[in-house]
């Protein structure tokens, strides 16, 4: 891989890491919201919706992390 493409991949990796932090923040906020919900709300459709959101955001965090790792492997980092 030439230097220009390697530099571009580094930029993409850095952007992905920034986005991962943003998604982690949103995940933490939703998780806090869920944790502070009264049990009666947690058992409702709204509570289930928030729980699904928390799980999907976690999946997104893992996916972004996997993408970053793949880029680093290509770069030999």
PDB file of N, CA and C in Angstrom:
ATOM      1  N   UNK A   1       0.852  -1.163   0.000  1.00  0.00           N
ATOM      2  CA  UNK A   1       0.000   0.000   0.000  1.00  0.00           C
ATOM      3  C   UNK A   1       0.902   1.232   0.000  1.00  0.00           C
ATOM      4  N   UNK A   2       0.553   2.183  -0.865  1.00  0.00           N
ATOM      5  CA  UNK A   2       1.401   3.369  -0.928  1.00  0.00           C
ATOM      6  C   UNK A   2       1.108   4.324   0.237  1.00  0.00           C
ATOM      7  N   UNK A   3       1.986   5.288   0.400  1.00  0.00           N
ATOM      8  CA  UNK A   3       1.919   6.205   1.547  1.00  0.00           C
ATOM      9  C   UNK A   3       0.632   7.028   1.549  1.00  0.00           C
ATOM     10  N   UNK A   4       0.168   7.428   0.373  1.00  0.00           N
ATOM     11  CA  UNK A   4      -1.048   8.251   0.298  1.00  0.00           C
ATOM     12  C   UNK A   4      -2.275   7.456   0.777  1.00  0.00           C
ATOM     13  N   UNK A   5      -2.399   6.234   0.330  1.00  0.00           N
ATOM     14  CA  UNK A   5      -3.532   5.414   0.766  1.00  0.00           C
ATOM     15  C   UNK A   5      -3.406   5.057   2.245  1.00  0.00           C
ATOM     16  N   UNK A   6      -2.194   4.799   2.694  1.00  0.00           N
ATOM     17  CA  UNK A   6      -1.983   4.501   4.113  1.00  0.00           C
ATOM     18  C   UNK A   6      -2.375   5.711   4.986  1.00  0.00           C
ATOM     19  N   UNK A   7      -2.033   6.911   4.530  1.00  0.00           N
ATOM     20  CA  UNK A   7      -2.403   8.128   5.264  1.00  0.00           C
ATOM     21  C   UNK A   7      -3.916   8.313   5.264  1.00  0.00           C
ATOM     22  N   UNK A   8      -4.549   8.016   4.152  1.00  0.00           N
ATOM     23  CA  UNK A   8      -6.008   8.141   4.068  1.00  0.00           C
ATOM     24  C   UNK A   8      -6.683   7.150   5.027  1.00  0.00           C
ATOM     25  N   UNK A   9      -6.152   5.943   5.095  1.00  0.00           N
ATOM     26  CA  UNK A   9      -6.691   4.962   6.035  1.00  0.00           C
ATOM     27  C   UNK A   9      -6.525   5.424   7.480  1.00  0.00           C
ATOM     28  N   UNK A  10      -5.417   6.071   7.769  1.00  0.00           N
ATOM     29  CA  UNK A  10      -5.210   6.607   9.119  1.00  0.00           C
ATOM     30  C   UNK A  10      -6.263   7.657   9.450  1.00  0.00           C
ATOM     31  N   UNK A  11      -6.582   8.505   8.472  1.00  0.00           N
ATOM     32  CA  UNK A  11      -7.623   9.518   8.675  1.00  0.00           C
ATOM     33  C   UNK A  11      -8.975   8.859   8.935  1.00  0.00           C
ATOM     34  N   UNK A  12      -9.277   7.837   8.147  1.00  0.00           N
ATOM     35  CA  UNK A  12     -10.545   7.128   8.319  1.00  0.00           C
ATOM     36  C   UNK A  12     -10.590   6.459   9.686  1.00  0.00           C
ATOM     37  N   UNK A  13      -9.496   5.811  10.084  1.00  0.00           N
ATOM     38  CA  UNK A  13      -9.428   5.179  11.400  1.00  0.00           C
ATOM     39  C   UNK A  13      -9.681   6.200  12.503  1.00  0.00           C
ATOM     40  N   UNK A  14      -9.053   7.367  12.387  1.00  0.00           N
ATOM     41  CA  UNK A  14      -9.229   8.409  13.400  1.00  0.00           C
ATOM     42  C   UNK A  14     -10.679   8.886  13.458  1.00  0.00           C
ATOM     43  N   UNK A  15     -11.301   9.057  12.295  1.00  0.00           N
ATOM     44  CA  UNK A  15     -12.705   9.477  12.259  1.00  0.00           C
ATOM     45  C   UNK A  15     -13.601   8.410  12.883  1.00  0.00           C
ATOM     46  N   UNK A  16     -13.318   7.148  12.575  1.00  0.00           N
ATOM     47  CA  UNK A  16     -14.099   6.061  13.160  1.00  0.00           C
ATOM     48  C   UNK A  16     -13.964   6.056  14.680  1.00  0.00           C
ATOM     49  N   UNK A  17     -12.765   6.282  15.182  1.00  0.00           N
ATOM     50  CA  UNK A  17     -12.570   6.331  16.637  1.00  0.00           C
ATOM     51  C   UNK A  17     -13.363   7.474  17.262  1.00  0.00           C
ATOM     52  N   UNK A  18     -13.427   8.617  16.590  1.00  0.00           N
ATOM     53  CA  UNK A  18     -14.217   9.739  17.084  1.00  0.00           C
ATOM     54  C   UNK A  18     -15.699   9.380  17.092  1.00  0.00           C
ATOM     55  N   UNK A  19     -16.162   8.751  16.014  1.00  0.00           N
ATOM     56  CA  UNK A  19     -17.559   8.343  15.939  1.00  0.00           C
ATOM     57  C   UNK A  19     -17.883   7.294  16.999  1.00  0.00           C
ATOM     58  N   UNK A  20     -16.947   6.405  17.242  1.00  0.00           N
ATOM     59  CA  UNK A  20     -17.142   5.386  18.270  1.00  0.00           C
ATOM     60  C   UNK A  20     -17.349   6.041  19.631  1.00  0.00           C
ATOM     61  N   UNK A  21     -16.561   7.059  19.929  1.00  0.00           N
ATOM     62  CA  UNK A  21     -16.729   7.785  21.196  1.00  0.00           C
ATOM     63  C   UNK A  21     -18.105   8.436  21.280  1.00  0.00           C
ATOM     64  N   UNK A  22     -18.568   9.004  20.166  1.00  0.00           N
ATOM     65  CA  UNK A  22     -19.900   9.617  20.140  1.00  0.00           C
ATOM     66  C   UNK A  22     -20.987   8.580  20.404  1.00  0.00           C
ATOM     67  N   UNK A  23     -20.870   7.422  19.766  1.00  0.00           N
ATOM     68  CA  UNK A  23     -21.865   6.369  19.962  1.00  0.00           C
ATOM     69  C   UNK A  23     -21.790   5.833  21.394  1.00  0.00           C
ATOM     70  N   UNK A  24     -20.579   5.715  21.938  1.00  0.00           N
ATOM     71  CA  UNK A  24     -20.437   5.273  23.327  1.00  0.00           C
ATOM     72  C   UNK A  24     -21.133   6.237  24.281  1.00  0.00           C
ATOM     73  N   UNK A  25     -21.017   7.528  24.017  1.00  0.00           N
ATOM     74  CA  UNK A  25     -21.679   8.536  24.849  1.00  0.00           C
ATOM     75  C   UNK A  25     -23.188   8.361  24.782  1.00  0.00           C
ATOM     76  N   UNK A  26     -23.710   8.174  23.564  1.00  0.00           N
ATOM     77  CA  UNK A  26     -25.151   7.976  23.415  1.00  0.00           C
ATOM     78  C   UNK A  26     -25.597   6.686  24.108  1.00  0.00           C
ATOM     79  N   UNK A  27     -24.806   5.641  23.976  1.00  0.00           N
ATOM     80  CA  UNK A  27     -25.106   4.371  24.632  1.00  0.00           C
ATOM     81  C   UNK A  27     -25.184   4.560  26.148  1.00  0.00           C
ATOM     82  N   UNK A  28     -24.194   5.242  26.698  1.00  0.00           N
ATOM     83  CA  UNK A  28     -24.157   5.465  28.145  1.00  0.00           C
ATOM     84  C   UNK A  28     -25.364   6.271  28.611  1.00  0.00           C
ATOM     85  N   UNK A  29     -25.763   7.272  27.827  1.00  0.00           N
ATOM     86  CA  UNK A  29     -26.921   8.084  28.186  1.00  0.00           C
ATOM     87  C   UNK A  29     -28.196   7.251  28.170  1.00  0.00           C
ATOM     88  N   UNK A  30     -28.363   6.434  27.146  1.00  0.00           N
ATOM     89  CA  UNK A  30     -29.554   5.581  27.058  1.00  0.00           C
ATOM     90  C   UNK A  30     -29.553   4.538  28.171  1.00  0.00           C
ATOM     91  N   UNK A  31     -28.373   3.996  28.470  1.00  0.00           N
ATOM     92  CA  UNK A  31     -28.276   3.002  29.535  1.00  0.00           C
ATOM     93  C   UNK A  31     -28.618   3.622  30.894  1.00  0.00           C
ATOM     94  N   UNK A  32     -28.127   4.841  31.135  1.00  0.00           N
ATOM     95  CA  UNK A  32     -28.473   5.551  32.367  1.00  0.00           C
ATOM     96  C   UNK A  32     -29.981   5.801  32.446  1.00  0.00           C
ATOM     97  N   UNK A  33     -30.559   6.198  31.306  1.00  0.00           N
ATOM     98  CA  UNK A  33     -31.995   6.439  31.245  1.00  0.00           C
ATOM     99  C   UNK A  33     -32.755   5.163  31.616  1.00  0.00           C
ATOM    100  N   UNK A  34     -32.324   4.046  31.045  1.00  0.00           N
ATOM    101  CA  UNK A  34     -32.960   2.768  31.340  1.00  0.00           C
ATOM    102  C   UNK A  34     -32.783   2.381  32.807  1.00  0.00           C
ATOM    103  N   UNK A  35     -31.565   2.539  33.307  1.00  0.00           N
ATOM    104  CA  UNK A  35     -31.275   2.160  34.693  1.00  0.00           C
ATOM    105  C   UNK A  35     -32.068   2.982  35.700  1.00  0.00           C
ATOM    106  N   UNK A  36     -32.377   4.212  35.349  1.00  0.00           N
ATOM    107  CA  UNK A  36     -33.092   5.098  36.274  1.00  0.00           C
ATOM    108  C   UNK A  36     -34.603   5.073  36.086  1.00  0.00           C
ATOM    109  N   UNK A  37     -35.084   4.263  35.156  1.00  0.00           N
ATOM    110  CA  UNK A  37     -36.518   4.122  34.937  1.00  0.00           C
ATOM    111  C   UNK A  37     -37.134   3.316  36.075  1.00  0.00           C
ATOM    112  N   UNK A  38     -38.290   3.723  36.528  1.00  0.00           N
ATOM    113  CA  UNK A  38     -38.998   2.878  37.497  1.00  0.00           C
ATOM    114  C   UNK A  38     -39.279   1.504  36.873  1.00  0.00           C
ATOM    115  N   UNK A  39     -39.282   0.478  37.700  1.00  0.00           N
ATOM    116  CA  UNK A  39     -39.466  -0.884  37.191  1.00  0.00           C
ATOM    117  C   UNK A  39     -40.725  -1.017  36.344  1.00  0.00           C
ATOM    118  N   UNK A  40     -41.786  -0.325  36.729  1.00  0.00           N
ATOM    119  CA  UNK A  40     -43.035  -0.432  35.966  1.00  0.00           C
ATOM    120  C   UNK A  40     -42.856   0.081  34.536  1.00  0.00           C
ATOM    121  N   UNK A  41     -42.024   1.106  34.355  1.00  0.00           N
ATOM    122  CA  UNK A  41     -41.752   1.613  33.009  1.00  0.00           C
ATOM    123  C   UNK A  41     -40.809   0.688  32.254  1.00  0.00           C
ATOM    124  N   UNK A  42     -39.857   0.103  32.985  1.00  0.00           N
ATOM    125  CA  UNK A  42     -38.898  -0.817  32.341  1.00  0.00           C
ATOM    126  C   UNK A  42     -39.612  -2.010  31.741  1.00  0.00           C
ATOM    127  N   UNK A  43     -40.709  -2.430  32.387  1.00  0.00           N
ATOM    128  CA  UNK A  43     -41.469  -3.578  31.909  1.00  0.00           C
ATOM    129  C   UNK A  43     -42.472  -3.214  30.820  1.00  0.00           C
ATOM    130  N   UNK A  44     -42.560  -1.924  30.495  1.00  0.00           N
ATOM    131  CA  UNK A  44     -43.511  -1.475  29.479  1.00  0.00           C
ATOM    132  C   UNK A  44     -42.869  -1.502  28.092  1.00  0.00           C
ATOM    133  N   UNK A  45     -43.663  -1.190  27.093  1.00  0.00           N
ATOM    134  CA  UNK A  45     -43.167  -1.130  25.713  1.00  0.00           C
ATOM    135  C   UNK A  45     -42.045  -0.098  25.590  1.00  0.00           C
ATOM    136  N   UNK A  46     -42.177   1.018  26.288  1.00  0.00           N
ATOM    137  CA  UNK A  46     -41.145   2.060  26.251  1.00  0.00           C
ATOM    138  C   UNK A  46     -39.826   1.532  26.817  1.00  0.00           C
ATOM    139  N   UNK A  47     -39.906   0.831  27.933  1.00  0.00           N
ATOM    140  CA  UNK A  47     -38.708   0.260  28.532  1.00  0.00           C
ATOM    141  C   UNK A  47     -38.044  -0.743  27.612  1.00  0.00           C
ATOM    142  N   UNK A  48     -38.853  -1.575  26.970  1.00  0.00           N
ATOM    143  CA  UNK A  48     -38.313  -2.548  26.023  1.00  0.00           C
ATOM    144  C   UNK A  48     -37.657  -1.855  24.837  1.00  0.00           C
ATOM    145  N   UNK A  49     -38.265  -0.769  24.386  1.00  0.00           N
ATOM    146  CA  UNK A  49     -37.706   0.004  23.273  1.00  0.00           C
ATOM    147  C   UNK A  49     -36.335   0.580  23.640  1.00  0.00           C
ATOM    148  N   UNK A  50     -36.227   1.114  24.841  1.00  0.00           N
ATOM    149  CA  UNK A  50     -34.956   1.676  25.291  1.00  0.00           C
ATOM    150  C   UNK A  50     -33.913   0.568  25.431  1.00  0.00           C
ATOM    151  N   UNK A  51     -34.322  -0.592  25.931  1.00  0.00           N
ATOM    152  CA  UNK A  51     -33.389  -1.707  26.061  1.00  0.00           C
ATOM    153  C   UNK A  51     -32.874  -2.173  24.701  1.00  0.00           C
ATOM    154  N   UNK A  52     -33.747  -2.226  23.722  1.00  0.00           N
ATOM    155  CA  UNK A  52     -33.333  -2.583  22.365  1.00  0.00           C
ATOM    156  C   UNK A  52     -32.349  -1.544  21.827  1.00  0.00           C
ATOM    157  N   UNK A  53     -32.631  -0.277  22.079  1.00  0.00           N
ATOM    158  CA  UNK A  53     -31.732   0.795  21.642  1.00  0.00           C
ATOM    159  C   UNK A  53     -30.363   0.640  22.269  1.00  0.00           C
ATOM    160  N   UNK A  54     -30.320   0.367  23.568  1.00  0.00           N
ATOM    161  CA  UNK A  54     -29.044   0.179  24.268  1.00  0.00           C
ATOM    162  C   UNK A  54     -28.266  -0.968  23.625  1.00  0.00           C
ATOM    163  N   UNK A  55     -28.938  -2.070  23.359  1.00  0.00           N
ATOM    164  CA  UNK A  55     -28.275  -3.228  22.763  1.00  0.00           C
ATOM    165  C   UNK A  55     -27.779  -2.940  21.354  1.00  0.00           C
ATOM    166  N   UNK A  56     -28.564  -2.240  20.568  1.00  0.00           N
ATOM    167  CA  UNK A  56     -28.153  -1.922  19.201  1.00  0.00           C
ATOM    168  C   UNK A  56     -26.986  -0.943  19.178  1.00  0.00           C
ATOM    169  N   UNK A  57     -27.001   0.018  20.094  1.00  0.00           N
ATOM    170  CA  UNK A  57     -25.871   0.941  20.171  1.00  0.00           C
ATOM    171  C   UNK A  57     -24.599   0.200  20.576  1.00  0.00           C
ATOM    172  N   UNK A  58     -24.733  -0.768  21.483  1.00  0.00           N
ATOM    173  CA  UNK A  58     -23.575  -1.584  21.852  1.00  0.00           C
ATOM    174  C   UNK A  58     -23.058  -2.358  20.640  1.00  0.00           C
ATOM    175  N   UNK A  59     -23.978  -2.913  19.853  1.00  0.00           N
ATOM    176  CA  UNK A  59     -23.574  -3.622  18.632  1.00  0.00           C
ATOM    177  C   UNK A  59     -22.845  -2.685  17.668  1.00  0.00           C
ATOM    178  N   UNK A  60     -23.323  -1.451  17.570  1.00  0.00           N
ATOM    179  CA  UNK A  60     -22.677  -0.468  16.695  1.00  0.00           C
ATOM    180  C   UNK A  60     -21.267  -0.161  17.185  1.00  0.00           C
ATOM    181  N   UNK A  61     -21.100  -0.023  18.490  1.00  0.00           N
ATOM    182  CA  UNK A  61     -19.777   0.230  19.070  1.00  0.00           C
ATOM    183  C   UNK A  61     -18.829  -0.907  18.717  1.00  0.00           C
ATOM    184  N   UNK A  62     -19.312  -2.130  18.867  1.00  0.00           N
ATOM    185  CA  UNK A  62     -18.481  -3.295  18.534  1.00  0.00           C
ATOM    186  C   UNK A  62     -18.136  -3.318  17.046  1.00  0.00           C
ATOM    187  N   UNK A  63     -19.102  -2.995  16.211  1.00  0.00           N
ATOM    188  CA  UNK A  63     -18.862  -2.980  14.769  1.00  0.00           C
ATOM    189  C   UNK A  63     -17.838  -1.940  14.363  1.00  0.00           C
ATOM    190  N   UNK A  64     -17.936  -0.765  14.952  1.00  0.00           N
ATOM    191  CA  UNK A  64     -16.948   0.281  14.660  1.00  0.00           C
ATOM    192  C   UNK A  64     -15.572  -0.166  15.139  1.00  0.00           C
ATOM    193  N   UNK A  65     -15.531  -0.760  16.320  1.00  0.00           N
ATOM    194  CA  UNK A  65     -14.261  -1.279  16.844  1.00  0.00           C
ATOM    195  C   UNK A  65     -13.664  -2.325  15.915  1.00  0.00           C
ATOM    196  N   UNK A  66     -14.504  -3.207  15.380  1.00  0.00           N
ATOM    197  CA  UNK A  66     -14.025  -4.213  14.431  1.00  0.00           C
ATOM    198  C   UNK A  66     -13.458  -3.562  13.168  1.00  0.00           C
ATOM    199  N   UNK A  67     -14.124  -2.513  12.694  1.00  0.00           N
ATOM    200  CA  UNK A  67     -13.644  -1.809  11.503  1.00  0.00           C
ATOM    201  C   UNK A  67     -12.287  -1.166  11.762  1.00  0.00           C
ATOM    202  N   UNK A  68     -12.130  -0.556  12.931  1.00  0.00           N
ATOM    203  CA  UNK A  68     -10.856   0.058  13.291  1.00  0.00           C
ATOM    204  C   UNK A  68      -9.755  -1.000  13.344  1.00  0.00           C
ATOM    205  N   UNK A  69     -10.055  -2.140  13.967  1.00  0.00           N
ATOM    206  CA  UNK A  69      -9.061  -3.216  14.054  1.00  0.00           C
ATOM    207  C   UNK A  69      -8.680  -3.724  12.669  1.00  0.00           C
ATOM    208  N   UNK A  70      -9.641  -3.853  11.778  1.00  0.00           N
ATOM    209  CA  UNK A  70      -9.343  -4.330  10.427  1.00  0.00           C
ATOM    210  C   UNK A  70      -8.432  -3.347   9.693  1.00  0.00           C
ATOM    211  N   UNK A  71      -8.700  -2.074   9.845  1.00  0.00           N
ATOM    212  CA  UNK A  71      -7.846  -1.055   9.212  1.00  0.00           C
ATOM    213  C   UNK A  71      -6.443  -1.134   9.784  1.00  0.00           C
ATOM    214  N   UNK A  72      -6.329  -1.269  11.088  1.00  0.00           N
ATOM    215  CA  UNK A  72      -5.018  -1.354  11.709  1.00  0.00           C
ATOM    216  C   UNK A  72      -4.265  -2.596  11.248  1.00  0.00           C
ATOM    217  N   UNK A  73      -4.971  -3.699  11.048  1.00  0.00           N
ATOM    218  CA  UNK A  73      -4.330  -4.902  10.538  1.00  0.00           C
ATOM    219  C   UNK A  73      -3.792  -4.683   9.123  1.00  0.00           C
ATOM    220  N   UNK A  74      -4.572  -4.007   8.304  1.00  0.00           N
ATOM    221  CA  UNK A  74      -4.128  -3.704   6.940  1.00  0.00           C
ATOM    222  C   UNK A  74      -2.887  -2.816   6.960  1.00  0.00           C
ATOM    223  N   UNK A  75      -2.868  -1.888   7.898  1.00  0.00           N
ATOM    224  CA  UNK A  75      -1.750  -0.963   8.007  1.00  0.00           C
ATOM    225  C   UNK A  75      -0.540  -1.590   8.686  1.00  0.00           C
ATOM    226  N   UNK A  76      -0.742  -2.730   9.324  1.00  0.00           N
ATOM    227  CA  UNK A  76       0.357  -3.355  10.039  1.00  0.00           C
ATOM    228  C   UNK A  76       0.687  -2.676  11.338  1.00  0.00           C
ATOM    229  N   UNK A  77      -0.334  -2.034  11.929  1.00  0.00           N
ATOM    230  CA  UNK A  77      -0.144  -1.319  13.203  1.00  0.00           C
ATOM    231  C   UNK A  77      -0.203  -2.300  14.345  1.00  0.00           C
TER     232      UNK A  77
END
